[in-house]
């Protein structure tokens, strides 16, 4: 690895770490706004909100909640980096344990939804670029603009109404058939755990229940990829190397989907990586409608019950995903376009 590449990766890594520390600082300030008194702060780390005062005083001394703010900040950063976000009010267990249970469920539908959305977006964007000003170009525009205009909750309701209640093709909600025995939680990803256990009945049930939330996430996200793909492809098709490929006698399909596409895909990497991090937080509506009890549904329940520990812990986890996604996007961008590393 060259020194230029090493400096580039190191610089992006330092930037990601500093951004994460800034996020933790913001959450630390919010916590002290919500609970300015040491005893109130102790309730965030208590096993339940009704512990006696004597137990809260022990927690104050244990976590140093009566120390000066700089000391408390150092302790809080240390706790967060060790996965100690406090105790969840609803479940009366460490917050990290709750996140480990619910987050993989959300990651499963978000990853599959984003993947499907990217595939559709790249395909439709390439078609639109290849037939600029033609019927297919306008048809693609009409398609993704109409999906952008539909609110997420409405799209979810329509899929549920038509495909589940109307045609009866898919389950209306849930993670799997409640009559089936779930496999042992090895990874907490329902589909993967069922696959590892060889529980094919549960695997097929989870796959069926995944369809509606996955296509909803894909529908609300593919338009951005379509538009960016079309724009990047049109820019690439005007380059000299594309004109040279035509002069060499290459077919239009080979030029568009080979030479031009390889160069047009570079800016798509960034929007896809960032979109994945944002979709984790945007899954709340989808999970609530389809009763898919992942992190989105959990945060909804935490919000209506004013579970500040869960909300702030999720904020840090979501922010970490977004920061990590940006970091990966930077590395992929630099890998695909070496000129980025030189700047």
Foldseek 3Di string as FASTA:
>chain_A
DDPLLVVLLVVLVVVLVVLLLVLLVVLLVVLCVVPVDQLSSLCQQALENPDDPVVSVVSCVVQVSVPPPVVNSVSSVVCVVVVQLHAWHVPSHGLSVVQQQFLLLLLVLLVLLLVLLLVVQLVLLLVLLLQPPDPSVVVSVVQLVVLQVDDLLRLLVVCLVCCCVNVNPAPNAEQFPPVDDQADPPRSNRLVRCVVVVVVNRNVRNVRRSVSLSNSSSSNPNSVSSVQSNVLLNVLCPDPVLVVCVVVPDDSCCSSVPVSNLRSCLVVLQVSLLVSLVVSQVCLSVCVRRVYRHLSVVVVVCVVVVRSSNVSSVSSVSSSSNSVSNSVSLVSSCVSPVVSSVD
